[in-house]
């Protein structure tokens, strides 16, 4: 009897362990894991790491003695002499980097042919930006767009188990969650990639062949599929949009890539040329790229970003406002001798007036389908396609904590933060009202809801949009 009881005890224990293990498997199945990288993607990264690490620019750290001043594009440009006062490279350093750059261009691997289709790539990260991304994605789907989306996270710490779970909003909106560290950690390297550098990684690792790269706070007013089918993208393979500022590219860069600074500027300054980088900065909150046909340029973009914080960011921007990845995109196209389309129409600043002070809150970028028509007719009315809500970010808690509501200081009247954008600007869509409705839904009805935040946001919405 004693041994019988022992057997029964062991049997019960094994049953409990079996059930516990089953429960763990079941619970894990409820958490959607990010898509694991394929072997070809890891092999691609391995090839690129070897290429990049064998072509470190000289010096290893490019130091500025002073920062260039950001000057709006509608103000006459700063002279070349003024631009280069804050950076000094020795002749031997320029010559060495010139040889290194030429060698890298000659060693770029062929297009791997592992990418397919059109899609949107967004770099997420952390609770703060994921609420913003969720709002932007909901507004994207309001356009009727069915384009697949890849949401990229830097690492597992940033990965969002809730938004990427089965049955979540992301899955219902055809959003695939991916993690950059799952690829780059497979290859030993001294290279550290973070912040601005990650955008180029997300684009090159994406499964899509033709990509619309969007910041998480960028709202398309229309279905972006029409841009993939438009002549600017089909003909030029890369489409970029302008920022407010004159470019502040160092003269040394042109020496390194063996391009005349004056001739490059003359070409880019042509007001009616679609190749115009406008000798102004790029606003990389939205960017279109055909990886098959601009592969050489894309590999060079990533190279510029790998050594961005230590070398190329300073070389391209000289410490001016907004320094980061944004100049690497078209600079790479120029160096590789590949065409691109730079939207000619200037970015429009949206905001509101608080007395005599203008509060800029967002940027409206033009529709390239209309923009190209202005080459034949300068008076053609150009619509707007993207609204980049860069400040304040559309995160309800952040708006409340920083008190960035649009409230008139004198009258205490609550206002629209985008300044009552004419509806015709976005073909009849009241994007600001739609955005606030989505914020309310997130804070009041979703699994991310916060009752106190919901109440504050409802009061503001009623005061602004229901009066």
Protein backbone atom coordinates (compact mmCIF):
# COMPACT_ATOMS: atom_id res chain seq x y z
CA UNK A 1 0.00 0.00 0.00
CA UNK A 2 2.89 2.34 0.86
CA UNK A 3 4.47 1.91 -2.57
CA UNK A 4 1.07 2.27 -4.22
CA UNK A 5 0.57 5.65 -2.56
CA UNK A 6 4.03 6.76 -3.70
CA UNK A 7 3.20 5.81 -7.29
CA UNK A 8 -0.09 7.72 -7.09
CA UNK A 9 1.75 10.72 -5.62
CA UNK A 10 4.30 10.71 -8.47
CA UNK A 11 1.50 10.28 -10.99
CA UNK A 12 -0.36 13.30 -9.60
CA UNK A 13 2.87 15.31 -9.62
CA UNK A 14 3.56 14.48 -13.27
CA UNK A 15 -0.02 15.36 -14.20
CA UNK A 16 0.35 18.75 -12.45
CA UNK A 17 3.69 19.40 -14.17
CA UNK A 18 2.21 18.42 -17.53
CA UNK A 19 -0.77 20.72 -17.06
CA UNK A 20 1.51 23.57 -15.90
CA UNK A 21 3.72 23.15 -18.97
CA UNK A 22 0.64 23.16 -21.19
CA UNK A 23 -0.62 26.30 -19.53
CA UNK A 24 2.74 28.02 -20.09
CA UNK A 25 2.68 27.10 -23.78
CA UNK A 26 -0.88 28.39 -24.04
CA UNK A 27 -0.01 31.69 -22.32
CA UNK A 28 3.02 32.17 -24.55
CA UNK A 29 0.83 31.63 -27.59
CA UNK A 30 -1.24 34.60 -26.51
CA UNK A 31 1.81 36.86 -26.81
CA UNK A 32 2.61 37.56 -30.41
CA UNK A 33 6.33 37.29 -30.99
CA UNK A 34 8.06 39.53 -33.51
CA UNK A 35 8.75 38.07 -36.92
CA UNK A 36 12.09 36.29 -36.79
CA UNK A 37 14.72 37.34 -39.34
CA UNK A 38 15.42 35.03 -42.25
CA UNK A 39 18.86 33.60 -42.97
CA UNK A 40 19.30 35.69 -46.16
CA UNK A 41 18.70 38.88 -44.14
CA UNK A 42 21.31 37.89 -41.56
CA UNK A 43 23.76 36.94 -44.31
CA UNK A 44 23.17 40.34 -45.93
CA UNK A 45 23.98 42.10 -42.67
CA UNK A 46 27.11 39.97 -42.26
CA UNK A 47 28.29 41.02 -45.73
CA UNK A 48 27.59 44.69 -45.03
CA UNK A 49 29.37 44.63 -41.66
CA UNK A 50 32.54 43.31 -43.33
CA UNK A 51 32.26 46.01 -46.00
CA UNK A 52 31.66 48.85 -43.55
CA UNK A 53 34.24 47.86 -40.95
CA UNK A 54 36.93 47.66 -43.64
CA UNK A 55 36.10 51.21 -44.80
CA UNK A 56 36.26 53.38 -41.70
CA UNK A 57 36.57 57.06 -42.70
CA UNK A 58 39.52 59.17 -41.57
CA UNK A 59 39.69 60.63 -38.97
CA UNK A 60 37.69 58.13 -36.90
CA UNK A 61 35.95 61.06 -35.18
CA UNK A 62 35.22 64.30 -37.02
CA UNK A 63 35.09 67.12 -34.49
CA UNK A 64 33.36 70.48 -34.92
CA UNK A 65 34.74 73.62 -33.33
CA UNK A 66 31.43 75.44 -33.82
CA UNK A 67 27.98 74.70 -35.21
CA UNK A 68 26.55 76.12 -38.44
CA UNK A 69 23.49 78.32 -38.11
CA UNK A 70 20.22 76.99 -39.49
CA UNK A 71 18.94 79.44 -42.10
CA UNK A 72 15.48 79.22 -43.61
CA UNK A 73 15.35 78.37 -47.27
CA UNK A 74 13.54 81.61 -48.14
CA UNK A 75 16.50 83.66 -46.83
CA UNK A 76 19.62 84.16 -49.02
CA UNK A 77 22.11 81.34 -48.50
CA UNK A 78 25.17 81.51 -46.28
CA UNK A 79 28.46 81.60 -48.17
CA UNK A 80 30.66 78.52 -48.47
CA UNK A 81 33.35 80.19 -46.37
CA UNK A 82 30.94 80.81 -43.52
CA UNK A 83 29.64 77.26 -43.70
CA UNK A 84 33.04 75.64 -43.27
CA UNK A 85 34.45 77.69 -40.43
CA UNK A 86 33.48 75.09 -37.81
CA UNK A 87 35.20 72.11 -39.44
CA UNK A 88 38.76 71.51 -40.52
CA UNK A 89 40.05 68.39 -42.27
CA UNK A 90 43.69 67.95 -43.20
CA UNK A 91 44.49 67.36 -46.87
CA UNK A 92 45.81 63.86 -46.14
CA UNK A 93 42.57 63.01 -44.26
CA UNK A 94 40.44 64.12 -47.21
CA UNK A 95 42.60 62.12 -49.62
CA UNK A 96 42.47 58.95 -47.46
CA UNK A 97 38.69 59.16 -47.02
CA UNK A 98 38.28 59.82 -50.74
CA UNK A 99 40.10 56.55 -51.51
CA UNK A 100 38.13 54.70 -48.82
CA UNK A 101 34.83 56.03 -50.18
CA UNK A 102 35.71 55.04 -53.76
CA UNK A 103 36.75 51.57 -52.60
CA UNK A 104 33.48 51.11 -50.73
CA UNK A 105 31.42 52.11 -53.77
CA UNK A 106 33.33 49.55 -55.82
CA UNK A 107 32.74 46.83 -53.24
CA UNK A 108 28.95 47.14 -52.81
CA UNK A 109 27.38 43.67 -53.11
CA UNK A 110 24.79 43.02 -55.82
CA UNK A 111 21.10 43.38 -55.08
CA UNK A 112 20.11 40.28 -53.08
CA UNK A 113 16.63 39.86 -54.63
CA UNK A 114 15.04 38.83 -51.32
CA UNK A 115 12.50 41.67 -51.14
CA UNK A 116 8.99 41.75 -52.57
CA UNK A 117 6.08 44.14 -53.02
CA UNK A 118 5.14 47.58 -51.70
CA UNK A 119 4.73 48.51 -48.07
CA UNK A 120 5.14 51.02 -45.29
CA UNK A 121 7.96 50.94 -42.73
CA UNK A 122 7.63 52.74 -39.38
CA UNK A 123 10.17 52.89 -36.57
CA UNK A 124 8.40 52.57 -33.23
CA UNK A 125 9.76 52.30 -29.74
CA UNK A 126 8.44 52.63 -26.20
CA UNK A 127 4.97 53.34 -24.85
CA UNK A 128 5.24 57.05 -25.70
CA UNK A 129 5.74 56.54 -29.43
CA UNK A 130 3.52 53.48 -29.73
CA UNK A 131 0.40 55.46 -28.82
CA UNK A 132 1.36 57.97 -31.50
CA UNK A 133 2.00 55.20 -34.02
CA UNK A 134 -1.35 53.57 -33.21
CA UNK A 135 -3.12 56.88 -33.86
CA UNK A 136 -1.26 57.43 -37.16
CA UNK A 137 -2.03 53.90 -38.31
CA UNK A 138 -5.73 54.31 -37.60
CA UNK A 139 -5.75 57.51 -39.64
CA UNK A 140 -3.85 55.71 -42.41
CA UNK A 141 -6.52 53.00 -42.58
CA UNK A 142 -9.21 55.71 -42.75
CA UNK A 143 -7.81 56.55 -46.22
CA UNK A 144 -8.79 53.06 -47.39
CA UNK A 145 -5.14 52.01 -47.65
CA UNK A 146 -4.50 48.26 -47.53
CA UNK A 147 -0.73 48.54 -47.81
CA UNK A 148 1.02 46.19 -45.38
CA UNK A 149 2.99 47.85 -42.59
CA UNK A 150 6.12 46.80 -40.73
CA UNK A 151 6.55 48.30 -37.25
CA UNK A 152 10.20 48.12 -36.22
CA UNK A 153 11.55 48.15 -32.66
CA UNK A 154 15.16 48.64 -31.64
CA UNK A 155 15.26 45.66 -29.25
CA UNK A 156 13.16 43.36 -27.06
CA UNK A 157 13.02 45.97 -24.33
CA UNK A 158 11.16 48.33 -26.67
CA UNK A 159 9.01 45.60 -28.20
CA UNK A 160 5.34 46.03 -27.32
CA UNK A 161 3.76 42.71 -26.29
CA UNK A 162 0.28 44.23 -26.05
CA UNK A 163 0.05 46.04 -29.37
CA UNK A 164 1.74 43.13 -31.16
CA UNK A 165 -0.45 40.45 -29.53
CA UNK A 166 -2.87 38.26 -31.53
CA UNK A 167 -6.15 40.03 -32.12
CA UNK A 168 -4.65 43.44 -31.29
CA UNK A 169 -5.20 46.61 -33.30
CA UNK A 170 -1.88 46.05 -35.05
CA UNK A 171 -2.79 42.59 -36.26
CA UNK A 172 -6.24 43.76 -37.39
CA UNK A 173 -4.58 46.59 -39.36
CA UNK A 174 -2.09 44.22 -41.05
CA UNK A 175 0.89 45.52 -39.10
CA UNK A 176 3.83 43.15 -38.63
CA UNK A 177 6.13 43.68 -35.64
CA UNK A 178 9.88 43.30 -36.17
CA UNK A 179 12.97 43.84 -34.02
CA UNK A 180 16.27 45.25 -35.33
CA UNK A 181 18.45 43.67 -32.63
CA UNK A 182 17.30 40.20 -33.72
CA UNK A 183 19.28 40.79 -36.91
CA UNK A 184 22.30 42.86 -35.93
CA UNK A 185 23.00 40.82 -32.79
CA UNK A 186 23.66 37.76 -34.98
CA UNK A 187 26.85 39.33 -36.35
CA UNK A 188 29.72 40.39 -34.05
CA UNK A 189 30.55 44.03 -34.71
CA UNK A 190 31.94 47.11 -33.02
CA UNK A 191 29.25 49.20 -34.68
CA UNK A 192 26.59 50.63 -32.35
CA UNK A 193 23.33 51.59 -34.01
CA UNK A 194 20.72 53.77 -32.30
CA UNK A 195 18.26 56.68 -32.76
CA UNK A 196 18.60 58.21 -36.26
CA UNK A 197 20.73 55.32 -37.53
CA UNK A 198 17.91 52.83 -37.09
CA UNK A 199 15.75 54.23 -39.91
CA UNK A 200 18.22 53.11 -42.58
CA UNK A 201 18.45 49.67 -40.96
CA UNK A 202 14.66 49.27 -40.87
CA UNK A 203 14.40 50.21 -44.54
CA UNK A 204 17.17 47.90 -45.75
CA UNK A 205 15.97 44.95 -43.60
CA UNK A 206 12.32 45.39 -44.53
CA UNK A 207 10.71 42.60 -46.54
CA UNK A 208 9.35 45.16 -49.01
CA UNK A 209 11.06 46.01 -52.28
CA UNK A 210 9.43 49.42 -52.64
CA UNK A 211 9.08 51.27 -49.37
CA UNK A 212 7.37 54.31 -47.91
CA UNK A 213 9.37 55.13 -44.77
CA UNK A 214 7.30 57.09 -42.25
CA UNK A 215 7.96 58.61 -38.86
CA UNK A 216 5.46 57.38 -36.28
CA UNK A 217 3.92 60.88 -36.02
CA UNK A 218 3.41 61.30 -39.77
CA UNK A 219 -0.16 61.13 -41.09
CA UNK A 220 -0.91 60.41 -44.78
CA UNK A 221 -4.02 62.28 -45.88
CA UNK A 222 -4.61 59.86 -48.76
CA UNK A 223 -3.94 56.23 -49.63
CA UNK A 224 -0.14 56.11 -50.24
CA UNK A 225 -0.59 53.40 -52.89
CA UNK A 226 -1.18 56.18 -55.43
CA UNK A 227 2.36 57.46 -54.81
CA UNK A 228 3.87 54.07 -55.67
CA UNK A 229 2.00 54.31 -58.98
CA UNK A 230 2.95 57.97 -59.67
CA UNK A 231 5.43 59.13 -62.29
CA UNK A 232 7.87 60.80 -59.85
CA UNK A 233 8.46 57.48 -58.08
CA UNK A 234 8.24 55.20 -61.11
CA UNK A 235 10.72 57.32 -63.06
CA UNK A 236 13.13 58.40 -60.31
CA UNK A 237 12.85 55.46 -57.84
CA UNK A 238 13.42 57.77 -54.84
CA UNK A 239 11.14 60.57 -53.67
CA UNK A 240 12.13 63.00 -50.91
CA UNK A 241 10.51 66.08 -49.40
CA UNK A 242 12.14 69.36 -48.30
CA UNK A 243 12.67 70.82 -44.85
CA UNK A 244 12.65 74.54 -44.02
CA UNK A 245 16.42 75.03 -44.04
CA UNK A 246 19.35 75.63 -46.35
CA UNK A 247 21.65 72.63 -46.49
CA UNK A 248 24.94 73.10 -44.65
CA UNK A 249 27.07 70.46 -46.35
CA UNK A 250 30.82 70.78 -45.85
CA UNK A 251 33.03 71.45 -48.87
CA UNK A 252 35.10 68.45 -47.80
CA UNK A 253 32.28 66.09 -48.69
CA UNK A 254 32.33 67.21 -52.32
CA UNK A 255 36.08 66.68 -52.41
CA UNK A 256 35.67 63.18 -50.95
CA UNK A 257 33.09 62.10 -53.55
CA UNK A 258 34.80 64.05 -56.35
CA UNK A 259 31.88 66.31 -57.20
CA UNK A 260 32.23 70.05 -57.79
CA UNK A 261 30.37 71.92 -55.06
CA UNK A 262 29.53 74.79 -57.40
CA UNK A 263 28.18 72.62 -60.22
CA UNK A 264 26.20 70.51 -57.77
CA UNK A 265 24.68 73.64 -56.30
CA UNK A 266 23.85 75.08 -59.74
CA UNK A 267 22.00 71.87 -60.66
CA UNK A 268 20.16 71.63 -57.38
CA UNK A 269 19.22 75.31 -57.27
CA UNK A 270 17.29 75.10 -60.55
CA UNK A 271 13.83 76.10 -59.36
CA UNK A 272 12.03 74.03 -61.97
CA UNK A 273 14.20 70.92 -61.94
CA UNK A 274 12.74 67.78 -60.42
CA UNK A 275 16.29 66.71 -59.53
CA UNK A 276 16.47 69.65 -57.21
CA UNK A 277 17.70 68.75 -53.78
CA UNK A 278 17.18 72.48 -53.67
CA UNK A 279 20.40 72.84 -51.79
CA UNK A 280 18.13 72.63 -48.82
CA UNK A 281 17.74 70.02 -46.17
CA UNK A 282 15.59 66.90 -46.48
CA UNK A 283 12.63 66.36 -44.14
CA UNK A 284 12.89 62.61 -43.73
CA UNK A 285 9.60 62.14 -41.86
CA UNK A 286 8.48 60.58 -45.15
CA UNK A 287 10.64 59.04 -47.84
CA UNK A 288 10.05 56.65 -50.75
CA UNK A 289 12.68 54.17 -51.95
CA UNK A 290 12.86 51.47 -54.62
CA UNK A 291 15.46 49.10 -53.21
CA UNK A 292 16.00 47.10 -56.42
CA UNK A 293 16.76 50.13 -58.57
CA UNK A 294 18.54 52.25 -55.94
CA UNK A 295 20.39 49.47 -54.12
CA UNK A 296 23.84 51.01 -54.51
CA UNK A 297 22.63 54.29 -53.04
CA UNK A 298 20.84 52.51 -50.18
CA UNK A 299 23.94 50.56 -49.13
CA UNK A 300 25.80 53.88 -49.16
CA UNK A 301 23.04 55.49 -47.06
CA UNK A 302 23.50 52.82 -44.41
CA UNK A 303 27.29 53.34 -44.51
CA UNK A 304 26.77 57.06 -43.91
CA UNK A 305 24.54 56.22 -40.94
CA UNK A 306 26.84 53.56 -39.48
CA UNK A 307 29.50 56.27 -39.23
CA UNK A 308 26.95 59.05 -38.84
CA UNK A 309 27.48 60.11 -35.20
CA UNK A 310 31.27 59.95 -35.52
CA UNK A 311 31.76 61.38 -39.00
CA UNK A 312 29.09 61.91 -41.65
CA UNK A 313 26.40 63.74 -39.65
CA UNK A 314 28.90 66.49 -38.87
CA UNK A 315 30.15 66.47 -42.47
CA UNK A 316 26.63 66.84 -43.90
CA UNK A 317 25.12 69.31 -41.42
CA UNK A 318 28.03 70.95 -39.57
CA UNK A 319 26.02 70.84 -36.36
CA UNK A 320 23.05 72.79 -37.75
CA UNK A 321 19.48 72.31 -36.56
CA UNK A 322 18.02 68.84 -37.11
CA UNK A 323 21.34 67.10 -37.73
CA UNK A 324 20.97 63.35 -38.16
CA UNK A 325 20.07 60.87 -40.86
CA UNK A 326 18.12 63.24 -43.07
CA UNK A 327 20.98 64.40 -45.37
CA UNK A 328 22.39 60.90 -45.84
CA UNK A 329 19.62 59.82 -48.22
CA UNK A 330 20.11 62.14 -51.16
CA UNK A 331 23.83 62.64 -50.57
CA UNK A 332 24.19 58.90 -51.19
CA UNK A 333 22.22 59.15 -54.43
CA UNK A 334 24.49 61.94 -55.63
CA UNK A 335 27.67 60.08 -54.73
CA UNK A 336 26.39 56.90 -56.44
CA UNK A 337 25.33 58.88 -59.52
CA UNK A 338 21.71 57.74 -59.24
CA UNK A 339 18.61 59.83 -59.88
CA UNK A 340 16.00 60.92 -57.34
CA UNK A 341 12.99 63.22 -57.15
CA UNK A 342 13.01 66.10 -54.69
CA UNK A 343 9.59 67.71 -54.26
CA UNK A 344 9.87 71.32 -55.39
CA UNK A 345 7.02 72.81 -53.36
CA UNK A 346 8.12 74.17 -50.02
CA UNK A 347 6.95 72.56 -46.80
CA UNK A 348 4.07 74.45 -45.20
CA UNK A 349 4.23 75.25 -41.51
CA UNK A 350 0.97 74.69 -39.61
CA UNK A 351 0.24 76.21 -36.23
CA UNK A 352 -1.69 78.89 -34.40
CA UNK A 353 -1.22 82.49 -33.28
CA UNK A 354 -0.95 83.18 -29.56
CA UNK A 355 -1.19 86.94 -29.67
CA UNK A 356 1.73 88.04 -31.86
CA UNK A 357 3.61 84.76 -31.47
CA UNK A 358 3.22 81.97 -34.03
CA UNK A 359 3.30 78.49 -32.51
CA UNK A 360 4.44 76.00 -35.15
CA UNK A 361 2.94 72.56 -34.52
CA UNK A 362 3.07 70.52 -37.74
CA UNK A 363 4.38 70.37 -41.30
CA UNK A 364 2.27 69.80 -44.41
CA UNK A 365 4.09 68.21 -47.33
CA UNK A 366 3.00 68.35 -50.97
CA UNK A 367 1.58 65.68 -53.23
CA UNK A 368 4.38 64.78 -55.71
CA UNK A 369 1.76 63.95 -58.36
CA UNK A 370 0.75 67.61 -58.32
CA UNK A 371 4.27 68.85 -57.78
CA UNK A 372 5.56 67.40 -61.05
CA UNK A 373 2.72 69.10 -62.94
CA UNK A 374 4.10 72.49 -61.86
CA UNK A 375 7.08 71.83 -64.15
CA UNK A 376 4.69 72.50 -67.03
CA UNK A 377 2.39 74.94 -65.25
CA UNK A 378 3.79 76.99 -62.38
CA UNK A 379 0.30 78.08 -61.37
CA UNK A 380 -1.01 74.55 -60.92
CA UNK A 381 -2.66 74.15 -57.51
CA UNK A 382 -0.68 71.66 -55.45
CA UNK A 383 -2.44 69.59 -52.80
CA UNK A 384 -0.87 68.32 -49.59
CA UNK A 385 -0.31 64.63 -48.90
CA UNK A 386 1.42 64.27 -45.52
CA UNK A 387 0.89 65.98 -42.20
CA UNK A 388 3.89 65.55 -39.91
CA UNK A 389 2.60 66.35 -36.40
CA UNK A 390 6.03 66.91 -34.90
CA UNK A 391 5.20 69.24 -31.97
CA UNK A 392 3.44 68.57 -29.81
CA UNK A 393 3.46 64.85 -30.43
CA UNK A 394 -0.07 63.44 -30.46
CA UNK A 395 0.31 61.64 -27.15
CA UNK A 396 -2.45 62.71 -24.78
CA UNK A 397 -0.48 62.27 -21.53
CA UNK A 398 2.44 64.25 -22.92
CA UNK A 399 0.15 67.08 -24.07
CA UNK A 400 -1.42 67.25 -20.60
CA UNK A 401 1.86 67.06 -18.67
CA UNK A 402 3.56 69.73 -20.80
CA UNK A 403 0.34 71.74 -21.20
CA UNK A 404 0.84 72.07 -24.95
CA UNK A 405 -2.86 72.58 -25.67
CA UNK A 406 -3.53 75.51 -27.99
CA UNK A 407 -4.91 78.00 -25.44
CA UNK A 408 -4.89 81.74 -26.07
CA UNK A 409 -2.86 83.39 -23.30
CA UNK A 410 -5.06 86.50 -23.23
CA UNK A 411 -8.58 85.07 -23.60
CA UNK A 412 -7.93 81.51 -22.36
CA UNK A 413 -9.91 80.32 -25.38
CA UNK A 414 -9.05 76.82 -26.53
CA UNK A 415 -7.99 76.66 -30.17
CA UNK A 416 -7.12 74.24 -32.93
CA UNK A 417 -3.39 73.53 -32.69
CA UNK A 418 -2.99 73.23 -36.47
CA UNK A 419 -4.55 76.64 -36.92
CA UNK A 420 -7.79 75.83 -38.66
CA UNK A 421 -6.18 74.23 -41.71
CA UNK A 422 -8.34 74.87 -44.79
CA UNK A 423 -10.21 71.65 -45.56
CA UNK A 424 -9.31 71.92 -49.23
CA UNK A 425 -5.65 71.54 -48.27
CA UNK A 426 -6.35 67.85 -47.68
CA UNK A 427 -9.26 67.48 -50.10
CA UNK A 428 -11.98 68.02 -47.52
CA UNK A 429 -10.57 65.96 -44.63
CA UNK A 430 -10.56 67.63 -41.22
CA UNK A 431 -7.40 65.83 -40.13
CA UNK A 432 -7.07 67.61 -36.81
CA UNK A 433 -10.56 66.64 -35.70
CA UNK A 434 -10.01 63.07 -36.90
CA UNK A 435 -6.71 62.89 -34.98
CA UNK A 436 -8.31 64.09 -31.75
CA UNK A 437 -11.14 61.57 -32.15
CA UNK A 438 -8.57 58.81 -32.40
CA UNK A 439 -6.75 60.11 -29.32
CA UNK A 440 -10.06 60.00 -27.45
CA UNK A 441 -10.71 56.45 -28.60
CA UNK A 442 -7.26 55.34 -27.42
CA UNK A 443 -7.58 57.02 -24.00
CA UNK A 444 -11.26 56.25 -23.42
CA UNK A 445 -12.08 52.92 -25.05
CA UNK A 446 -8.95 50.91 -25.92
CA UNK A 447 -6.89 48.59 -23.71
CA UNK A 448 -4.52 51.58 -23.30
CA UNK A 449 -7.29 53.71 -21.80
CA UNK A 450 -6.73 56.10 -18.91
CA UNK A 451 -9.98 57.45 -17.37
CA UNK A 452 -8.42 60.65 -15.99
CA UNK A 453 -6.66 61.45 -19.27
CA UNK A 454 -9.88 60.59 -21.11
CA UNK A 455 -11.86 63.14 -19.10
CA UNK A 456 -9.35 65.96 -19.72
CA UNK A 457 -9.15 65.22 -23.43
CA UNK A 458 -12.95 65.03 -23.78
CA UNK A 459 -13.30 68.47 -22.20
CA UNK A 460 -10.75 69.93 -24.60
CA UNK A 461 -12.34 68.22 -27.61
CA UNK A 462 -15.79 69.56 -26.74
CA UNK A 463 -14.43 73.10 -26.28
CA UNK A 464 -12.57 73.10 -29.60
CA UNK A 465 -14.63 70.96 -31.98
CA UNK A 466 -18.19 70.92 -30.59
CA UNK A 467 -18.76 74.65 -30.08
